[in-house]
């Protein structure tokens, strides 16, 4: 190899090294450089409403004294966790790359306008309903194949309403403009083991008729199993059929909701009443509409249940609860079928009223699977053939 070739090769290697270290330095600087947030001129505390848009769809989230609500559902609570996560992501958006300020490129990048934008947009409003900012969310850009070490090469194109600049941000913001995406879907969550009594009623001839009442036996013969105490006392319950019914309040969630319409009330034909060991009683009226189960829920305090549980407190209890006959529960021998009652915390009228205020006044659209739990065929709760094998505690 000639001297000139060696020299040329050396120069070439030096150039490659220079390019490599320049690129590494640029990448490190890009990582370390503090980028200004896009919404730095807006205070999150000033945001009173959030409007999400995509195409022809839109939904408004409105702040109130208790959190966030959906005006489209008469002010029903929105999922506060989802709203906070959205605002956190929005207010942390940072421009890592200036892409263009040429309006001819807006369509290609998906940032033409806030209204009607197919990829979505979010408008922040103040208490007077005036816009604080509009974030037009454009197309996403995938990582460029074959070009390693290029910092922040992927992300989403974003333009602020009223600003000509299109920038690239690393965090992709997905717009969900459907009301049901933002509902606080949680209703009630009472484990089946905390349910002490279940009542089934039917609406007949303009009045509610009691069909059957099940209650935990709490005795040596039946343990903690449910037994019929009204309607069907001479029959044997099917543990396999009762078990899912007892779990009717476990993680009960809605699909959709509407405010009760006093002028056009829903007519319900079934009622299931769950009484918990705490004394809280959940009254659930239901009706089947197509593949939907519509329901109204109310809550009250059952003092008879509080007195019953107090009288059954085992000796392991503190002795504060008094038996119905006036003896201290500490005088009674602890039994396995009573042991779970020692840790019961009783509800009071204030707690019941608070729950009732939150849950009543609405017609809930429930998932179809709850039909078997809240609207069972009462006759099917009883055994019709050979006795079943003993089931685990319900």
Protein backbone atom coordinates (compact mmCIF):
# COMPACT_ATOMS: atom_id res chain seq x y z
CA UNK A 1 0.00 0.00 0.00
CA UNK A 2 1.44 3.35 -1.04
CA UNK A 3 2.05 6.19 1.36
CA UNK A 4 -0.76 8.22 -0.25
CA UNK A 5 -3.26 5.38 0.21
CA UNK A 6 -2.30 4.97 3.86
CA UNK A 7 -2.66 8.70 4.40
CA UNK A 8 -6.06 8.74 2.67
CA UNK A 9 -7.26 5.80 4.75
CA UNK A 10 -6.13 7.53 7.92
CA UNK A 11 -7.96 10.71 6.99
CA UNK A 12 -11.09 8.69 6.21
CA UNK A 13 -10.94 6.96 9.59
CA UNK A 14 -10.50 10.30 11.34
CA UNK A 15 -13.57 11.65 9.54
CA UNK A 16 -15.61 8.60 10.58
CA UNK A 17 -14.51 9.02 14.19
CA UNK A 18 -15.36 12.72 14.10
CA UNK A 19 -18.82 11.99 12.69
CA UNK A 20 -19.39 9.28 15.29
CA UNK A 21 -18.42 11.41 18.28
CA UNK A 22 -20.30 14.43 16.92
CA UNK A 23 -23.41 12.29 16.59
CA UNK A 24 -22.93 10.87 20.08
CA UNK A 25 -22.43 14.35 21.48
CA UNK A 26 -25.54 15.62 19.69
CA UNK A 27 -27.55 12.70 21.02
CA UNK A 28 -26.34 13.30 24.57
CA UNK A 29 -27.10 17.00 24.32
CA UNK A 30 -30.57 16.25 23.01
CA UNK A 31 -31.16 13.97 25.97
CA UNK A 32 -29.86 16.42 28.52
CA UNK A 33 -31.21 19.64 27.05
CA UNK A 34 -34.33 20.87 28.89
CA UNK A 35 -37.11 21.36 26.33
CA UNK A 36 -39.86 23.84 27.06
CA UNK A 37 -43.31 22.35 27.53
CA UNK A 38 -45.83 23.25 24.84
CA UNK A 39 -48.43 24.44 27.34
CA UNK A 40 -46.05 26.38 29.57
CA UNK A 41 -48.19 29.53 29.18
CA UNK A 42 -51.29 27.79 30.58
CA UNK A 43 -51.92 27.04 34.25
CA UNK A 44 -53.46 23.64 34.89
CA UNK A 45 -55.42 25.19 37.76
CA UNK A 46 -57.17 27.49 35.27
CA UNK A 47 -58.54 24.53 33.30
CA UNK A 48 -62.25 24.18 34.06
CA UNK A 49 -63.21 21.96 31.13
CA UNK A 50 -61.55 19.69 28.60
CA UNK A 51 -63.08 19.11 25.18
CA UNK A 52 -61.88 16.11 23.21
CA UNK A 53 -62.55 16.02 19.47
CA UNK A 54 -61.96 13.53 16.68
CA UNK A 55 -63.73 13.83 13.37
CA UNK A 56 -67.41 14.47 14.08
CA UNK A 57 -67.21 13.09 17.63
CA UNK A 58 -66.62 15.13 20.76
CA UNK A 59 -66.99 14.89 24.52
CA UNK A 60 -66.62 17.49 27.27
CA UNK A 61 -65.18 16.84 30.72
CA UNK A 62 -66.07 19.48 33.28
CA UNK A 63 -64.48 20.19 36.65
CA UNK A 64 -66.73 20.59 39.69
CA UNK A 65 -66.34 20.67 43.47
CA UNK A 66 -66.03 16.89 43.74
CA UNK A 67 -63.86 16.21 40.72
CA UNK A 68 -64.70 15.80 37.03
CA UNK A 69 -68.10 15.21 35.45
CA UNK A 70 -69.74 14.59 32.07
CA UNK A 71 -72.37 17.18 31.05
CA UNK A 72 -73.54 14.75 28.35
CA UNK A 73 -74.65 12.42 31.16
CA UNK A 74 -76.31 15.06 33.35
CA UNK A 75 -73.13 15.63 35.32
CA UNK A 76 -72.39 11.99 36.16
CA UNK A 77 -68.85 11.60 37.56
CA UNK A 78 -66.03 11.03 35.13
CA UNK A 79 -63.09 8.77 35.88
CA UNK A 80 -60.86 11.20 37.75
CA UNK A 81 -57.79 9.02 37.30
CA UNK A 82 -58.14 9.05 33.52
CA UNK A 83 -58.65 12.82 33.42
CA UNK A 84 -55.63 13.48 35.62
CA UNK A 85 -53.48 11.17 33.50
CA UNK A 86 -54.56 13.02 30.34
CA UNK A 87 -53.79 16.44 31.80
CA UNK A 88 -50.45 15.25 33.14
CA UNK A 89 -49.46 13.99 29.70
CA UNK A 90 -50.70 17.15 27.96
CA UNK A 91 -48.88 19.53 30.28
CA UNK A 92 -45.69 17.49 29.97
CA UNK A 93 -45.59 17.55 26.15
CA UNK A 94 -42.26 18.90 24.93
CA UNK A 95 -41.22 19.79 21.39
CA UNK A 96 -38.09 17.84 20.48
CA UNK A 97 -38.05 18.89 16.87
CA UNK A 98 -39.40 21.78 14.83
CA UNK A 99 -40.88 20.17 11.71
CA UNK A 100 -42.41 22.97 9.62
CA UNK A 101 -44.39 26.19 9.70
CA UNK A 102 -45.64 25.80 6.14
CA UNK A 103 -49.42 25.39 6.13
CA UNK A 104 -49.23 23.39 2.90
CA UNK A 105 -47.78 20.53 4.97
CA UNK A 106 -50.53 20.53 7.61
CA UNK A 107 -52.79 18.08 5.78
CA UNK A 108 -49.99 15.55 5.26
CA UNK A 109 -49.04 15.74 8.94
CA UNK A 110 -52.64 15.62 10.19
CA UNK A 111 -52.64 19.03 11.92
CA UNK A 112 -54.94 21.12 9.72
CA UNK A 113 -57.53 22.26 12.28
CA UNK A 114 -58.93 21.39 15.68
CA UNK A 115 -62.51 20.87 14.50
CA UNK A 116 -62.98 17.85 12.27
CA UNK A 117 -59.41 16.65 12.69
CA UNK A 118 -59.43 12.92 12.05
CA UNK A 119 -56.50 12.18 14.35
CA UNK A 120 -57.91 14.24 17.18
CA UNK A 121 -57.56 17.39 19.16
CA UNK A 122 -57.99 18.67 22.70
CA UNK A 123 -59.26 22.08 23.75
CA UNK A 124 -58.75 23.44 27.26
CA UNK A 125 -61.40 25.87 28.52
CA UNK A 126 -61.56 28.27 31.45
CA UNK A 127 -64.46 28.73 33.87
CA UNK A 128 -66.22 31.09 31.45
CA UNK A 129 -65.97 28.53 28.64
CA UNK A 130 -63.29 30.52 26.84
CA UNK A 131 -60.44 28.57 25.21
CA UNK A 132 -57.12 28.55 27.03
CA UNK A 133 -55.37 26.41 24.44
CA UNK A 134 -56.09 24.02 21.61
CA UNK A 135 -53.80 21.07 20.94
CA UNK A 136 -54.09 19.63 17.43
CA UNK A 137 -52.81 16.07 17.51
CA UNK A 138 -51.51 14.87 14.18
CA UNK A 139 -50.14 11.71 12.68
CA UNK A 140 -47.52 9.60 14.41
CA UNK A 141 -44.02 9.08 13.08
CA UNK A 142 -42.45 5.67 13.44
CA UNK A 143 -38.72 5.20 14.12
CA UNK A 144 -36.68 5.50 10.94
CA UNK A 145 -35.26 2.10 10.03
CA UNK A 146 -31.55 1.88 9.41
CA UNK A 147 -30.76 5.24 11.02
CA UNK A 148 -29.49 4.44 14.53
CA UNK A 149 -28.59 6.92 17.23
CA UNK A 150 -30.97 9.59 15.99
CA UNK A 151 -32.51 11.05 19.14
CA UNK A 152 -36.27 11.53 19.34
CA UNK A 153 -36.79 10.36 15.77
CA UNK A 154 -40.28 8.97 16.51
CA UNK A 155 -43.36 10.49 18.07
CA UNK A 156 -46.41 12.54 17.11
CA UNK A 157 -46.84 15.73 15.12
CA UNK A 158 -48.51 18.46 17.17
CA UNK A 159 -49.60 22.01 16.48
CA UNK A 160 -51.12 24.48 18.91
CA UNK A 161 -54.23 26.27 17.68
CA UNK A 162 -53.24 29.74 16.49
CA UNK A 163 -49.58 28.76 16.07
CA UNK A 164 -48.13 28.00 12.64
CA UNK A 165 -45.34 25.75 13.94
CA UNK A 166 -45.64 21.97 13.74
CA UNK A 167 -43.43 20.16 16.22
CA UNK A 168 -42.60 16.56 17.02
CA UNK A 169 -43.25 15.29 20.54
CA UNK A 170 -42.14 11.93 21.88
CA UNK A 171 -45.31 11.07 23.84
CA UNK A 172 -48.28 9.99 21.75
CA UNK A 173 -51.64 11.30 22.99
CA UNK A 174 -54.66 9.19 22.04
CA UNK A 175 -58.02 10.98 21.91
CA UNK A 176 -61.08 9.10 23.17
CA UNK A 177 -64.09 11.28 22.23
CA UNK A 178 -66.79 8.84 23.40
CA UNK A 179 -68.72 9.55 26.60
CA UNK A 180 -68.58 5.96 27.84
CA UNK A 181 -64.77 6.01 27.65
CA UNK A 182 -64.71 8.59 30.46
CA UNK A 183 -67.45 7.41 32.82
CA UNK A 184 -66.50 6.43 36.34
CA UNK A 185 -67.80 2.89 35.89
CA UNK A 186 -67.36 1.66 39.45
CA UNK A 187 -70.62 1.29 41.38
CA UNK A 188 -70.39 -1.15 44.27
CA UNK A 189 -67.86 -3.70 45.47
CA UNK A 190 -69.03 -5.90 48.32
CA UNK A 191 -67.48 -9.36 48.51
CA UNK A 192 -69.90 -12.28 48.61
CA UNK A 193 -68.57 -13.30 52.03
CA UNK A 194 -69.85 -10.01 53.46
CA UNK A 195 -73.40 -10.56 52.21
CA UNK A 196 -75.61 -11.84 55.02
CA UNK A 197 -79.07 -11.74 53.48
CA UNK A 198 -80.54 -11.76 49.95
CA UNK A 199 -84.15 -11.01 49.13
CA UNK A 200 -85.81 -11.54 45.74
CA UNK A 201 -88.98 -9.63 44.82
CA UNK A 202 -91.13 -9.38 41.70
CA UNK A 203 -93.34 -6.49 40.62
CA UNK A 204 -96.84 -7.87 40.18
CA UNK A 205 -100.21 -6.10 39.94
CA UNK A 206 -98.66 -2.73 40.67
CA UNK A 207 -96.83 -3.78 43.83
CA UNK A 208 -93.68 -5.58 44.92
CA UNK A 209 -94.20 -9.19 45.99
CA UNK A 210 -91.56 -10.99 48.03
CA UNK A 211 -90.59 -14.31 46.46
CA UNK A 212 -87.87 -15.71 48.69
CA UNK A 213 -85.39 -14.59 51.36
CA UNK A 214 -82.04 -16.27 51.93
CA UNK A 215 -79.93 -15.74 55.02
CA UNK A 216 -76.69 -17.20 56.31
CA UNK A 217 -77.54 -19.92 58.84
CA UNK A 218 -74.72 -19.22 61.30
CA UNK A 219 -75.26 -22.54 63.10
CA UNK A 220 -73.55 -25.89 63.56
CA UNK A 221 -75.78 -27.68 61.05
CA UNK A 222 -75.35 -25.37 58.05
CA UNK A 223 -72.32 -23.31 59.03
CA UNK A 224 -72.25 -20.05 57.07
CA UNK A 225 -74.27 -21.39 54.13
CA UNK A 226 -77.37 -19.57 52.92
CA UNK A 227 -80.69 -21.11 53.89
CA UNK A 228 -84.22 -20.02 52.91
CA UNK A 229 -85.93 -18.21 55.78
CA UNK A 230 -88.99 -17.08 53.83
CA UNK A 231 -90.40 -18.87 50.79
CA UNK A 232 -89.00 -22.34 50.18
CA UNK A 233 -88.19 -23.23 53.80
CA UNK A 234 -89.00 -26.86 53.00
CA UNK A 235 -86.57 -26.97 50.07
CA UNK A 236 -82.83 -27.48 49.74
CA UNK A 237 -80.83 -24.69 48.12
CA UNK A 238 -78.39 -25.36 45.30
CA UNK A 239 -75.04 -23.97 46.49
CA UNK A 240 -73.80 -23.85 42.90
CA UNK A 241 -76.71 -21.58 41.92
CA UNK A 242 -76.65 -19.41 45.04
CA UNK A 243 -72.91 -18.72 44.95
CA UNK A 244 -72.91 -16.49 41.82
CA UNK A 245 -76.00 -14.67 43.08
CA UNK A 246 -74.21 -13.88 46.35
CA UNK A 247 -71.41 -12.29 44.32
CA UNK A 248 -73.80 -9.87 42.60
CA UNK A 249 -72.23 -6.82 44.26
CA UNK A 250 -68.63 -7.82 43.63
CA UNK A 251 -67.02 -5.19 41.40
CA UNK A 252 -70.40 -4.15 39.99
CA UNK A 253 -69.73 -1.72 37.14
CA UNK A 254 -71.83 0.22 34.65
CA UNK A 255 -71.64 0.35 30.87
CA UNK A 256 -73.59 3.59 30.52
CA UNK A 257 -75.87 5.78 32.62
CA UNK A 258 -78.71 8.27 32.36
CA UNK A 259 -80.38 10.47 34.96
CA UNK A 260 -83.79 9.28 36.15
CA UNK A 261 -86.49 10.90 34.03
CA UNK A 262 -89.41 11.77 36.30
CA UNK A 263 -91.68 12.30 33.29
CA UNK A 264 -90.82 8.97 31.68
CA UNK A 265 -89.67 6.65 34.47
CA UNK A 266 -88.41 3.16 33.73
CA UNK A 267 -90.71 0.39 34.93
CA UNK A 268 -88.78 -2.34 36.73
CA UNK A 269 -90.02 -5.89 37.20
CA UNK A 270 -87.43 -7.47 39.51
CA UNK A 271 -85.83 -6.40 42.78
CA UNK A 272 -82.87 -7.92 44.57
CA UNK A 273 -82.00 -6.69 48.06
CA UNK A 274 -78.52 -7.42 49.42
CA UNK A 275 -77.90 -6.86 53.13
CA UNK A 276 -74.27 -6.81 54.23
CA UNK A 277 -72.95 -7.71 57.68
CA UNK A 278 -72.21 -4.00 58.17
CA UNK A 279 -75.95 -3.29 58.06
CA UNK A 280 -75.84 -1.57 54.67
CA UNK A 281 -78.69 -2.68 52.44
CA UNK A 282 -78.48 -2.33 48.66
CA UNK A 283 -81.80 -2.33 46.80
CA UNK A 284 -81.38 -3.05 43.09
CA UNK A 285 -84.39 -2.78 40.78
CA UNK A 286 -83.83 -4.22 37.31
CA UNK A 287 -85.52 -4.79 33.98
CA UNK A 288 -84.32 -6.50 30.80
CA UNK A 289 -84.29 -4.37 27.64
CA UNK A 290 -83.00 -6.32 24.67
CA UNK A 291 -79.51 -7.45 25.61
CA UNK A 292 -79.25 -4.78 28.32
CA UNK A 293 -80.00 -4.89 32.01
CA UNK A 294 -81.23 -1.52 33.28
CA UNK A 295 -81.06 -0.86 37.01
CA UNK A 296 -81.71 1.66 39.74
CA UNK A 297 -79.81 1.37 43.02
CA UNK A 298 -80.62 2.75 46.45
CA UNK A 299 -78.95 2.22 49.82
CA UNK A 300 -80.37 2.22 53.34
CA UNK A 301 -79.36 1.08 56.80
CA UNK A 302 -80.90 -2.13 58.14
CA UNK A 303 -80.74 -1.78 61.92
CA UNK A 304 -82.24 -5.26 62.37
CA UNK A 305 -79.16 -6.70 60.67
CA UNK A 306 -76.87 -4.64 62.90
CA UNK A 307 -78.67 -6.03 65.94
CA UNK A 308 -78.52 -9.58 64.60
CA UNK A 309 -74.79 -9.47 63.93
CA UNK A 310 -74.18 -7.84 67.30
CA UNK A 311 -76.00 -10.70 69.00
CA UNK A 312 -73.92 -13.27 67.14
CA UNK A 313 -70.53 -11.82 68.01
CA UNK A 314 -68.27 -14.68 69.14
CA UNK A 315 -66.21 -14.68 72.32
CA UNK A 316 -63.23 -13.56 70.27
CA UNK A 317 -64.93 -10.20 69.97
CA UNK A 318 -64.12 -7.34 72.30
CA UNK A 319 -67.35 -7.89 74.19
CA UNK A 320 -68.64 -4.42 73.40
CA UNK A 321 -71.54 -5.76 71.33
CA UNK A 322 -74.44 -7.04 73.41
CA UNK A 323 -76.48 -10.10 72.59
CA UNK A 324 -80.18 -9.72 72.03
CA UNK A 325 -80.91 -11.31 75.43
CA UNK A 326 -78.73 -8.79 77.21
CA UNK A 327 -75.70 -11.04 77.74
CA UNK A 328 -72.25 -10.00 76.61
CA UNK A 329 -71.13 -11.74 73.45
CA UNK A 330 -67.95 -12.58 75.36
CA UNK A 331 -70.04 -15.09 77.35
CA UNK A 332 -70.67 -17.12 74.20
CA UNK A 333 -68.31 -19.78 72.86
CA UNK A 334 -66.56 -18.85 69.63
CA UNK A 335 -67.61 -20.97 66.66
CA UNK A 336 -66.08 -21.23 63.20
CA UNK A 337 -69.33 -20.08 61.61
CA UNK A 338 -69.24 -16.91 63.72
CA UNK A 339 -65.52 -16.12 63.74
CA UNK A 340 -65.66 -13.76 60.74
CA UNK A 341 -68.07 -11.46 62.58
CA UNK A 342 -65.55 -10.27 65.18
CA UNK A 343 -63.94 -7.84 62.71
CA UNK A 344 -67.19 -6.41 61.34
CA UNK A 345 -67.41 -2.62 61.31
CA UNK A 346 -71.01 -1.48 61.39
CA UNK A 347 -72.20 1.30 59.12
CA UNK A 348 -74.30 4.17 60.39
CA UNK A 349 -77.15 6.22 58.93
CA UNK A 350 -74.74 8.88 57.69
CA UNK A 351 -72.72 6.32 55.72
CA UNK A 352 -75.88 4.83 54.22
CA UNK A 353 -77.18 8.27 53.23
CA UNK A 354 -73.86 9.16 51.61
CA UNK A 355 -73.90 6.01 49.47
CA UNK A 356 -77.56 6.50 48.59
CA UNK A 357 -76.87 10.06 47.47
CA UNK A 358 -74.12 8.83 45.15
CA UNK A 359 -75.98 5.86 43.68
CA UNK A 360 -79.66 6.84 43.54
CA UNK A 361 -81.24 9.08 40.92
CA UNK A 362 -79.63 7.25 38.00
CA UNK A 363 -80.63 4.50 35.59
CA UNK A 364 -77.62 2.28 35.02
CA UNK A 365 -76.95 0.21 31.94
CA UNK A 366 -75.25 -2.88 33.37
CA UNK A 367 -73.23 -5.58 31.59
CA UNK A 368 -75.36 -8.45 30.30
CA UNK A 369 -73.58 -11.02 32.49
CA UNK A 370 -75.14 -9.57 35.66
CA UNK A 371 -78.55 -10.90 34.60
CA UNK A 372 -77.74 -14.33 36.04
CA UNK A 373 -76.67 -12.71 39.32
CA UNK A 374 -79.30 -10.02 39.84
CA UNK A 375 -82.23 -11.63 38.00
CA UNK A 376 -82.02 -15.38 38.64
CA UNK A 377 -84.96 -17.70 38.15
CA UNK A 378 -85.86 -18.18 41.80
CA UNK A 379 -87.03 -21.76 41.28
CA UNK A 380 -83.59 -22.66 39.94
CA UNK A 381 -81.94 -21.68 43.22
CA UNK A 382 -83.29 -24.88 44.76
CA UNK A 383 -82.18 -28.46 44.22
CA UNK A 384 -84.48 -30.57 42.11
CA UNK A 385 -82.67 -33.94 42.09
CA UNK A 386 -80.08 -35.72 44.19
CA UNK A 387 -78.53 -33.70 47.05
CA UNK A 388 -75.41 -31.84 46.02
CA UNK A 389 -71.98 -32.45 47.48
CA UNK A 390 -71.05 -29.92 50.18
CA UNK A 391 -69.75 -26.69 48.66
CA UNK A 392 -67.04 -24.39 49.92
CA UNK A 393 -68.07 -21.47 52.12
CA UNK A 394 -69.94 -18.84 50.13
